[in-house]
């Protein structure tokens, strides 16, 4: 990602619940006033997930784009499945990983790339409870070290 890419929303649970091994950038098919809501930052990725359908298309579910306040009949359902735009080779790669190795597709963040809205899909494997505890312990230890370093400098 370049420095001029503006991050709109991040998935707070993506890195906590999954071990992300690879990332893929995808476009999103949007309708009506959804882009205006996204520009205002009214999007939530918290419980979202992506699935490859039988026809070879990738959709993201539970991505909440709040309706635009000044929109009328052009507002769509906030939780409707949104189609992702990927190359055929990327879709085949995702099919291989999700079916054979047991990985899942998790949206990690949504951002602007120029004038286009892009979604970063993480290919990840679910963490066990003890893995999550280990990560929390490492973060706490790192915070303590930074706190002691900051105090020792003063």
N, C-alpha and C. Protein backbone atom coordinates (compact mmCIF):
# COMPACT_ATOMS: atom_id res chain seq x y z
N UNK A 1 0.82 -1.18 0.00
CA UNK A 1 0.00 0.00 0.00
C UNK A 1 0.87 1.25 0.00
N UNK A 2 0.48 2.26 -0.76
CA UNK A 2 1.22 3.50 -0.83
C UNK A 2 0.83 4.43 0.30
N UNK A 3 1.60 5.48 0.49
CA UNK A 3 1.33 6.41 1.57
C UNK A 3 0.08 7.24 1.32
N UNK A 4 -0.30 7.44 0.05
CA UNK A 4 -1.47 8.27 -0.23
C UNK A 4 -2.78 7.49 -0.17
N UNK A 5 -2.72 6.20 0.18
CA UNK A 5 -3.93 5.41 0.36
C UNK A 5 -4.54 5.75 1.71
N UNK A 6 -5.81 6.11 1.71
CA UNK A 6 -6.50 6.50 2.94
C UNK A 6 -7.27 5.31 3.49
N UNK A 7 -6.92 4.88 4.70
CA UNK A 7 -7.63 3.77 5.33
C UNK A 7 -8.95 4.29 5.89
N UNK A 8 -10.03 3.62 5.54
CA UNK A 8 -11.36 4.02 5.98
C UNK A 8 -11.74 3.26 7.25
N UNK A 9 -11.57 1.93 7.22
CA UNK A 9 -11.93 1.11 8.38
C UNK A 9 -11.03 -0.11 8.42
N UNK A 10 -10.79 -0.61 9.64
CA UNK A 10 -10.02 -1.83 9.85
C UNK A 10 -10.90 -2.83 10.58
N UNK A 11 -10.58 -4.10 10.40
CA UNK A 11 -11.27 -5.16 11.11
C UNK A 11 -10.51 -5.43 12.40
N UNK A 12 -11.09 -5.08 13.56
CA UNK A 12 -10.34 -5.22 14.81
C UNK A 12 -10.10 -6.66 15.22
N UNK A 13 -10.92 -7.58 14.76
CA UNK A 13 -10.78 -8.98 15.16
C UNK A 13 -9.96 -9.82 14.20
N UNK A 14 -9.56 -9.28 13.07
CA UNK A 14 -8.89 -10.08 12.05
C UNK A 14 -7.57 -10.67 12.55
N UNK A 15 -6.72 -9.84 13.11
CA UNK A 15 -5.41 -10.33 13.54
C UNK A 15 -5.46 -11.00 14.90
N UNK A 16 -6.54 -10.78 15.64
CA UNK A 16 -6.68 -11.44 16.93
C UNK A 16 -7.18 -12.88 16.77
N UNK A 17 -8.13 -13.09 15.87
CA UNK A 17 -8.74 -14.41 15.70
C UNK A 17 -8.09 -15.26 14.63
N UNK A 18 -7.31 -14.65 13.74
CA UNK A 18 -6.73 -15.39 12.62
C UNK A 18 -5.24 -15.10 12.48
N UNK A 19 -4.52 -16.09 12.02
CA UNK A 19 -3.12 -15.92 11.66
C UNK A 19 -3.10 -15.65 10.16
N UNK A 20 -2.88 -14.41 9.78
CA UNK A 20 -2.94 -13.99 8.37
C UNK A 20 -1.61 -14.34 7.70
N UNK A 21 -1.69 -15.15 6.62
CA UNK A 21 -0.46 -15.55 5.94
C UNK A 21 -0.25 -14.80 4.63
N UNK A 22 -1.32 -14.31 4.03
CA UNK A 22 -1.20 -13.61 2.75
C UNK A 22 -2.34 -12.59 2.65
N UNK A 23 -2.12 -11.58 1.81
CA UNK A 23 -3.14 -10.54 1.62
C UNK A 23 -3.36 -10.32 0.14
N UNK A 24 -4.60 -10.06 -0.21
CA UNK A 24 -4.96 -9.79 -1.60
C UNK A 24 -5.84 -8.54 -1.62
N UNK A 25 -5.57 -7.67 -2.59
CA UNK A 25 -6.36 -6.45 -2.77
C UNK A 25 -7.48 -6.72 -3.76
N UNK A 26 -8.69 -6.32 -3.40
CA UNK A 26 -9.85 -6.54 -4.27
C UNK A 26 -10.69 -5.28 -4.36
N UNK A 27 -11.31 -5.08 -5.50
CA UNK A 27 -12.27 -4.00 -5.67
C UNK A 27 -13.63 -4.45 -5.17
N UNK A 28 -14.52 -3.50 -4.95
CA UNK A 28 -15.87 -3.81 -4.46
C UNK A 28 -16.90 -3.22 -5.42
N UNK A 29 -17.94 -3.99 -5.71
CA UNK A 29 -19.04 -3.48 -6.52
C UNK A 29 -20.01 -2.77 -5.59
N UNK A 30 -20.18 -1.46 -5.79
CA UNK A 30 -21.05 -0.65 -4.94
C UNK A 30 -22.19 -0.07 -5.76
N UNK A 31 -23.32 0.15 -5.12
CA UNK A 31 -24.50 0.67 -5.79
C UNK A 31 -25.00 1.92 -5.09
N UNK A 32 -25.64 2.78 -5.86
CA UNK A 32 -26.36 3.93 -5.30
C UNK A 32 -25.48 4.85 -4.49
N UNK A 33 -25.90 5.11 -3.28
CA UNK A 33 -25.22 6.08 -2.43
C UNK A 33 -24.22 5.43 -1.47
N UNK A 34 -23.86 4.17 -1.71
CA UNK A 34 -22.93 3.49 -0.80
C UNK A 34 -21.56 4.16 -0.76
N UNK A 35 -21.10 4.67 -1.89
CA UNK A 35 -19.78 5.32 -1.92
C UNK A 35 -19.78 6.58 -1.07
N UNK A 36 -20.91 7.29 -1.03
CA UNK A 36 -20.99 8.50 -0.20
C UNK A 36 -20.91 8.14 1.28
N UNK A 37 -21.55 7.05 1.67
CA UNK A 37 -21.45 6.59 3.05
C UNK A 37 -20.03 6.16 3.40
N UNK A 38 -19.36 5.51 2.46
CA UNK A 38 -17.98 5.07 2.70
C UNK A 38 -17.07 6.27 2.82
N UNK A 39 -17.27 7.29 1.99
CA UNK A 39 -16.45 8.50 2.09
C UNK A 39 -16.61 9.18 3.44
N UNK A 40 -17.78 9.05 4.05
CA UNK A 40 -18.00 9.60 5.40
C UNK A 40 -17.48 8.68 6.49
N UNK A 41 -17.01 7.48 6.13
CA UNK A 41 -16.48 6.54 7.10
C UNK A 41 -17.53 5.70 7.79
N UNK A 42 -18.70 5.57 7.20
CA UNK A 42 -19.80 4.82 7.82
C UNK A 42 -19.79 3.37 7.36
N UNK A 43 -18.69 2.67 7.63
CA UNK A 43 -18.56 1.27 7.25
C UNK A 43 -17.98 0.51 8.43
N UNK A 44 -18.43 -0.74 8.60
CA UNK A 44 -18.00 -1.56 9.72
C UNK A 44 -17.61 -2.95 9.19
N UNK A 45 -16.40 -3.40 9.50
CA UNK A 45 -15.91 -4.70 9.06
C UNK A 45 -15.85 -5.73 10.18
N UNK A 46 -16.40 -5.43 11.33
CA UNK A 46 -16.15 -6.23 12.53
C UNK A 46 -16.43 -7.72 12.36
N UNK A 47 -17.59 -8.12 11.93
CA UNK A 47 -17.94 -9.53 11.82
C UNK A 47 -17.98 -10.01 10.37
N UNK A 48 -17.32 -9.30 9.47
CA UNK A 48 -17.42 -9.63 8.05
C UNK A 48 -16.52 -10.81 7.69
N UNK A 49 -16.91 -11.49 6.63
CA UNK A 49 -16.17 -12.62 6.10
C UNK A 49 -16.44 -12.73 4.61
N UNK A 50 -15.58 -13.44 3.90
CA UNK A 50 -15.74 -13.59 2.45
C UNK A 50 -15.88 -15.06 2.10
N UNK A 51 -16.67 -15.33 1.07
CA UNK A 51 -16.92 -16.69 0.60
C UNK A 51 -16.81 -16.72 -0.91
N UNK A 52 -16.25 -17.82 -1.42
CA UNK A 52 -16.21 -18.05 -2.86
C UNK A 52 -17.44 -18.87 -3.21
N UNK A 53 -18.30 -18.32 -4.05
CA UNK A 53 -19.54 -18.98 -4.45
C UNK A 53 -19.24 -20.08 -5.47
N UNK A 54 -20.25 -20.89 -5.76
CA UNK A 54 -20.09 -22.00 -6.70
C UNK A 54 -19.82 -21.53 -8.12
N UNK A 55 -20.29 -20.33 -8.48
CA UNK A 55 -20.08 -19.82 -9.83
C UNK A 55 -18.70 -19.16 -9.98
N UNK A 56 -17.85 -19.22 -8.96
CA UNK A 56 -16.49 -18.68 -9.05
C UNK A 56 -16.38 -17.21 -8.73
N UNK A 57 -17.38 -16.65 -8.09
CA UNK A 57 -17.32 -15.25 -7.71
C UNK A 57 -17.14 -15.14 -6.20
N UNK A 58 -16.45 -14.10 -5.77
CA UNK A 58 -16.18 -13.90 -4.35
C UNK A 58 -17.09 -12.80 -3.82
N UNK A 59 -17.74 -13.07 -2.69
CA UNK A 59 -18.63 -12.11 -2.04
C UNK A 59 -18.19 -11.90 -0.60
N UNK A 60 -18.38 -10.69 -0.11
CA UNK A 60 -18.13 -10.40 1.29
C UNK A 60 -19.49 -10.21 1.98
N UNK A 61 -19.64 -10.87 3.12
CA UNK A 61 -20.89 -10.84 3.88
C UNK A 61 -20.69 -10.10 5.19
N UNK A 62 -21.76 -9.55 5.72
CA UNK A 62 -21.81 -8.85 7.02
C UNK A 62 -20.94 -7.60 7.07
N UNK A 63 -20.59 -7.05 5.92
CA UNK A 63 -19.90 -5.76 5.90
C UNK A 63 -20.98 -4.70 5.90
N UNK A 64 -21.07 -3.95 6.98
CA UNK A 64 -22.16 -3.00 7.17
C UNK A 64 -21.76 -1.64 6.61
N UNK A 65 -22.45 -1.22 5.55
CA UNK A 65 -22.31 0.14 5.02
C UNK A 65 -23.61 0.85 5.37
N UNK A 66 -23.56 1.78 6.31
CA UNK A 66 -24.76 2.47 6.78
C UNK A 66 -25.39 3.25 5.64
N UNK A 67 -26.72 3.35 5.62
CA UNK A 67 -27.39 4.10 4.56
C UNK A 67 -27.01 5.58 4.62
N UNK A 68 -26.93 6.19 3.46
CA UNK A 68 -26.62 7.61 3.35
C UNK A 68 -27.82 8.42 3.84
N UNK A 69 -27.57 9.42 4.71
CA UNK A 69 -28.66 10.16 5.33
C UNK A 69 -29.50 10.92 4.31
N UNK A 70 -28.88 11.48 3.29
CA UNK A 70 -29.58 12.32 2.32
C UNK A 70 -30.03 11.52 1.09
N UNK A 71 -29.83 10.21 1.15
CA UNK A 71 -30.29 9.38 0.05
C UNK A 71 -31.76 9.06 0.21
N UNK A 72 -32.37 8.58 -0.87
CA UNK A 72 -33.79 8.25 -0.79
C UNK A 72 -33.98 6.81 -1.26
N UNK A 73 -34.55 6.61 -2.40
CA UNK A 73 -34.80 5.26 -2.89
C UNK A 73 -33.53 4.57 -3.36
N UNK A 74 -32.44 5.31 -3.48
CA UNK A 74 -31.20 4.74 -4.00
C UNK A 74 -30.38 4.04 -2.91
N UNK A 75 -30.79 4.14 -1.65
CA UNK A 75 -30.10 3.44 -0.59
C UNK A 75 -30.36 1.95 -0.69
N UNK A 76 -29.29 1.16 -0.52
CA UNK A 76 -29.41 -0.30 -0.56
C UNK A 76 -29.41 -0.84 0.86
N UNK A 77 -29.67 -2.13 0.97
CA UNK A 77 -29.63 -2.81 2.27
C UNK A 77 -28.19 -2.75 2.81
N UNK A 78 -28.00 -2.31 4.05
CA UNK A 78 -26.65 -2.13 4.59
C UNK A 78 -25.86 -3.43 4.69
N UNK A 79 -26.52 -4.56 4.87
CA UNK A 79 -25.82 -5.84 5.06
C UNK A 79 -25.88 -6.75 3.84
N UNK A 80 -26.23 -6.20 2.69
CA UNK A 80 -26.32 -7.06 1.50
C UNK A 80 -24.94 -7.61 1.15
N UNK A 81 -24.86 -8.80 0.53
CA UNK A 81 -23.56 -9.32 0.09
C UNK A 81 -22.98 -8.44 -1.01
N UNK A 82 -21.72 -8.11 -0.88
CA UNK A 82 -21.06 -7.26 -1.87
C UNK A 82 -20.07 -8.09 -2.67
N UNK A 83 -20.17 -7.98 -3.99
CA UNK A 83 -19.30 -8.73 -4.88
C UNK A 83 -17.91 -8.10 -4.89
N UNK A 84 -16.88 -8.95 -4.87
CA UNK A 84 -15.50 -8.48 -4.94
C UNK A 84 -14.96 -8.71 -6.33
N UNK A 85 -14.13 -7.79 -6.79
CA UNK A 85 -13.56 -7.86 -8.13
C UNK A 85 -12.12 -8.38 -8.02
N UNK A 86 -11.92 -9.61 -8.52
CA UNK A 86 -10.61 -10.26 -8.50
C UNK A 86 -10.32 -10.87 -9.87
N UNK A 87 -9.04 -11.06 -10.15
CA UNK A 87 -8.65 -11.76 -11.38
C UNK A 87 -8.97 -13.24 -11.26
N UNK A 88 -9.12 -13.89 -12.37
CA UNK A 88 -9.43 -15.32 -12.38
C UNK A 88 -8.31 -16.12 -11.70
N UNK A 89 -7.06 -15.73 -11.92
CA UNK A 89 -5.94 -16.45 -11.30
C UNK A 89 -5.96 -16.29 -9.78
N UNK A 90 -6.33 -15.10 -9.29
CA UNK A 90 -6.42 -14.88 -7.85
C UNK A 90 -7.55 -15.72 -7.25
N UNK A 91 -8.66 -15.82 -7.96
CA UNK A 91 -9.78 -16.62 -7.48
C UNK A 91 -9.39 -18.10 -7.41
N UNK A 92 -8.66 -18.59 -8.41
CA UNK A 92 -8.21 -19.99 -8.39
C UNK A 92 -7.25 -20.24 -7.24
N UNK A 93 -6.39 -19.27 -6.95
CA UNK A 93 -5.46 -19.38 -5.82
C UNK A 93 -6.25 -19.46 -4.51
N UNK A 94 -7.27 -18.61 -4.37
CA UNK A 94 -8.09 -18.60 -3.16
C UNK A 94 -8.88 -19.90 -3.01
N UNK A 95 -9.39 -20.43 -4.12
CA UNK A 95 -10.14 -21.69 -4.08
C UNK A 95 -9.23 -22.80 -3.59
N UNK A 96 -8.00 -22.85 -4.10
CA UNK A 96 -7.06 -23.88 -3.68
C UNK A 96 -6.73 -23.80 -2.20
N UNK A 97 -6.50 -22.60 -1.71
CA UNK A 97 -6.14 -22.44 -0.30
C UNK A 97 -7.31 -22.74 0.64
N UNK A 98 -8.50 -22.26 0.29
CA UNK A 98 -9.62 -22.42 1.21
C UNK A 98 -10.16 -23.85 1.24
N UNK A 99 -10.07 -24.58 0.14
CA UNK A 99 -10.62 -25.94 0.13
C UNK A 99 -9.60 -26.96 0.62
N UNK A 100 -8.37 -26.86 0.17
CA UNK A 100 -7.37 -27.89 0.49
C UNK A 100 -6.74 -27.70 1.86
N UNK A 101 -6.33 -26.50 2.19
CA UNK A 101 -5.54 -26.29 3.39
C UNK A 101 -6.33 -25.75 4.57
N UNK A 102 -7.62 -25.49 4.39
CA UNK A 102 -8.45 -25.07 5.50
C UNK A 102 -8.31 -23.62 5.90
N UNK A 103 -7.87 -22.77 4.99
CA UNK A 103 -7.77 -21.35 5.30
C UNK A 103 -9.11 -20.68 5.04
N UNK A 104 -9.27 -19.47 5.57
CA UNK A 104 -10.49 -18.71 5.38
C UNK A 104 -10.15 -17.30 4.89
N UNK A 105 -11.14 -16.62 4.35
CA UNK A 105 -10.95 -15.27 3.82
C UNK A 105 -11.54 -14.26 4.79
N UNK A 106 -10.70 -13.35 5.27
CA UNK A 106 -11.11 -12.36 6.26
C UNK A 106 -10.79 -10.97 5.73
N UNK A 107 -11.79 -10.08 5.61
CA UNK A 107 -11.49 -8.69 5.25
C UNK A 107 -10.73 -8.02 6.39
N UNK A 108 -9.55 -7.45 6.09
CA UNK A 108 -8.75 -6.82 7.13
C UNK A 108 -8.93 -5.31 7.16
N UNK A 109 -9.02 -4.68 5.99
CA UNK A 109 -9.25 -3.23 5.98
C UNK A 109 -9.85 -2.81 4.65
N UNK A 110 -10.46 -1.64 4.68
CA UNK A 110 -11.03 -1.03 3.48
C UNK A 110 -10.42 0.36 3.35
N UNK A 111 -10.02 0.72 2.14
CA UNK A 111 -9.29 1.97 1.94
C UNK A 111 -9.51 2.49 0.53
N UNK A 112 -9.15 3.76 0.33
CA UNK A 112 -9.18 4.38 -0.99
C UNK A 112 -7.83 4.22 -1.65
N UNK A 113 -7.85 3.85 -2.92
CA UNK A 113 -6.64 3.82 -3.74
C UNK A 113 -6.95 4.70 -4.94
N UNK A 114 -6.49 5.94 -4.85
CA UNK A 114 -6.91 6.93 -5.84
C UNK A 114 -8.37 7.25 -5.58
N UNK A 115 -9.21 7.08 -6.59
CA UNK A 115 -10.65 7.32 -6.44
C UNK A 115 -11.44 6.04 -6.21
N UNK A 116 -10.74 4.91 -6.15
CA UNK A 116 -11.42 3.63 -6.03
C UNK A 116 -11.36 3.11 -4.59
N UNK A 117 -12.42 2.41 -4.20
CA UNK A 117 -12.46 1.78 -2.88
C UNK A 117 -11.93 0.36 -3.04
N UNK A 118 -10.96 0.00 -2.20
CA UNK A 118 -10.37 -1.33 -2.24
C UNK A 118 -10.55 -2.01 -0.89
N UNK A 119 -10.66 -3.32 -0.93
CA UNK A 119 -10.79 -4.13 0.27
C UNK A 119 -9.59 -5.07 0.32
N UNK A 120 -8.91 -5.10 1.46
CA UNK A 120 -7.79 -6.02 1.62
C UNK A 120 -8.30 -7.29 2.27
N UNK A 121 -8.17 -8.39 1.53
CA UNK A 121 -8.60 -9.70 2.03
C UNK A 121 -7.39 -10.41 2.60
N UNK A 122 -7.51 -10.88 3.81
CA UNK A 122 -6.45 -11.66 4.41
C UNK A 122 -6.79 -13.14 4.31
N UNK A 123 -5.80 -13.94 3.94
CA UNK A 123 -5.97 -15.38 3.89
C UNK A 123 -5.40 -15.90 5.20
N UNK A 124 -6.26 -16.43 6.06
CA UNK A 124 -5.79 -16.79 7.38
C UNK A 124 -6.35 -18.08 7.90
N UNK A 125 -5.67 -18.59 8.92
CA UNK A 125 -6.09 -19.79 9.60
C UNK A 125 -6.48 -19.40 11.02
N UNK A 126 -7.56 -19.95 11.52
CA UNK A 126 -8.05 -19.59 12.84
C UNK A 126 -7.06 -19.95 13.94
N UNK A 127 -6.92 -19.05 14.90
CA UNK A 127 -6.02 -19.29 16.03
C UNK A 127 -6.75 -20.08 17.11
N UNK A 128 -5.99 -20.86 17.82
CA UNK A 128 -6.50 -21.56 19.00
C UNK A 128 -6.48 -20.59 20.18
N UNK A 129 -7.15 -20.95 21.25
CA UNK A 129 -7.25 -20.09 22.42
C UNK A 129 -5.88 -19.82 23.03
N UNK A 130 -5.02 -20.86 23.07
CA UNK A 130 -3.70 -20.66 23.66
C UNK A 130 -2.83 -19.76 22.80
N UNK A 131 -3.03 -19.75 21.49
CA UNK A 131 -2.29 -18.83 20.62
C UNK A 131 -2.70 -17.38 20.91
N UNK A 132 -3.98 -17.16 21.14
CA UNK A 132 -4.47 -15.82 21.45
C UNK A 132 -3.90 -15.34 22.77
N UNK A 133 -3.83 -16.25 23.76
CA UNK A 133 -3.27 -15.89 25.06
C UNK A 133 -1.79 -15.53 24.94
N UNK A 134 -1.07 -16.29 24.12
CA UNK A 134 0.35 -16.00 23.91
C UNK A 134 0.55 -14.63 23.30
N UNK A 135 -0.27 -14.28 22.31
CA UNK A 135 -0.17 -12.96 21.68
C UNK A 135 -0.44 -11.85 22.68
N UNK A 136 -1.43 -12.06 23.55
CA UNK A 136 -1.74 -11.05 24.56
C UNK A 136 -0.57 -10.89 25.53
N UNK A 137 0.06 -12.00 25.92
CA UNK A 137 1.22 -11.95 26.82
C UNK A 137 2.37 -11.19 26.17
N UNK A 138 2.61 -11.46 24.89
CA UNK A 138 3.70 -10.77 24.18
C UNK A 138 3.44 -9.27 24.10
N UNK A 139 2.21 -8.88 23.82
CA UNK A 139 1.87 -7.45 23.74
C UNK A 139 2.04 -6.78 25.09
N UNK A 140 1.60 -7.46 26.17
CA UNK A 140 1.75 -6.89 27.51
C UNK A 140 3.22 -6.73 27.86
N UNK A 141 4.03 -7.73 27.54
CA UNK A 141 5.47 -7.65 27.83
C UNK A 141 6.10 -6.50 27.04
N UNK A 142 5.70 -6.34 25.78
CA UNK A 142 6.25 -5.26 24.96
C UNK A 142 5.86 -3.89 25.52
N UNK A 143 4.63 -3.76 25.99
CA UNK A 143 4.18 -2.50 26.60
C UNK A 143 4.98 -2.19 27.87
N UNK A 144 5.24 -3.22 28.70
CA UNK A 144 6.02 -3.01 29.92
C UNK A 144 7.43 -2.57 29.59
N UNK A 145 8.03 -3.20 28.60
CA UNK A 145 9.39 -2.82 28.19
C UNK A 145 9.42 -1.38 27.71
N UNK A 146 8.45 -1.00 26.88
CA UNK A 146 8.41 0.38 26.38
C UNK A 146 8.18 1.37 27.52
N UNK A 147 7.35 1.00 28.50
CA UNK A 147 7.09 1.87 29.64
C UNK A 147 8.37 2.08 30.48
N UNK A 148 9.10 0.97 30.73
CA UNK A 148 10.35 1.07 31.51
C UNK A 148 11.40 1.88 30.75
N UNK A 149 11.46 1.69 29.45
CA UNK A 149 12.42 2.44 28.63
C UNK A 149 12.09 3.93 28.68
N UNK A 150 10.80 4.25 28.61
CA UNK A 150 10.37 5.64 28.64
C UNK A 150 10.69 6.27 30.00
N UNK A 151 10.48 5.52 31.10
CA UNK A 151 10.78 6.02 32.43
C UNK A 151 12.28 6.18 32.67
N UNK A 152 13.07 5.28 32.11
CA UNK A 152 14.52 5.35 32.32
C UNK A 152 15.14 6.48 31.55
N UNK A 153 14.52 6.93 30.46
CA UNK A 153 15.04 8.05 29.68
C UNK A 153 14.83 9.36 30.43
N UNK A 154 13.74 9.46 31.18
CA UNK A 154 13.43 10.71 31.91
C UNK A 154 14.39 10.94 32.99
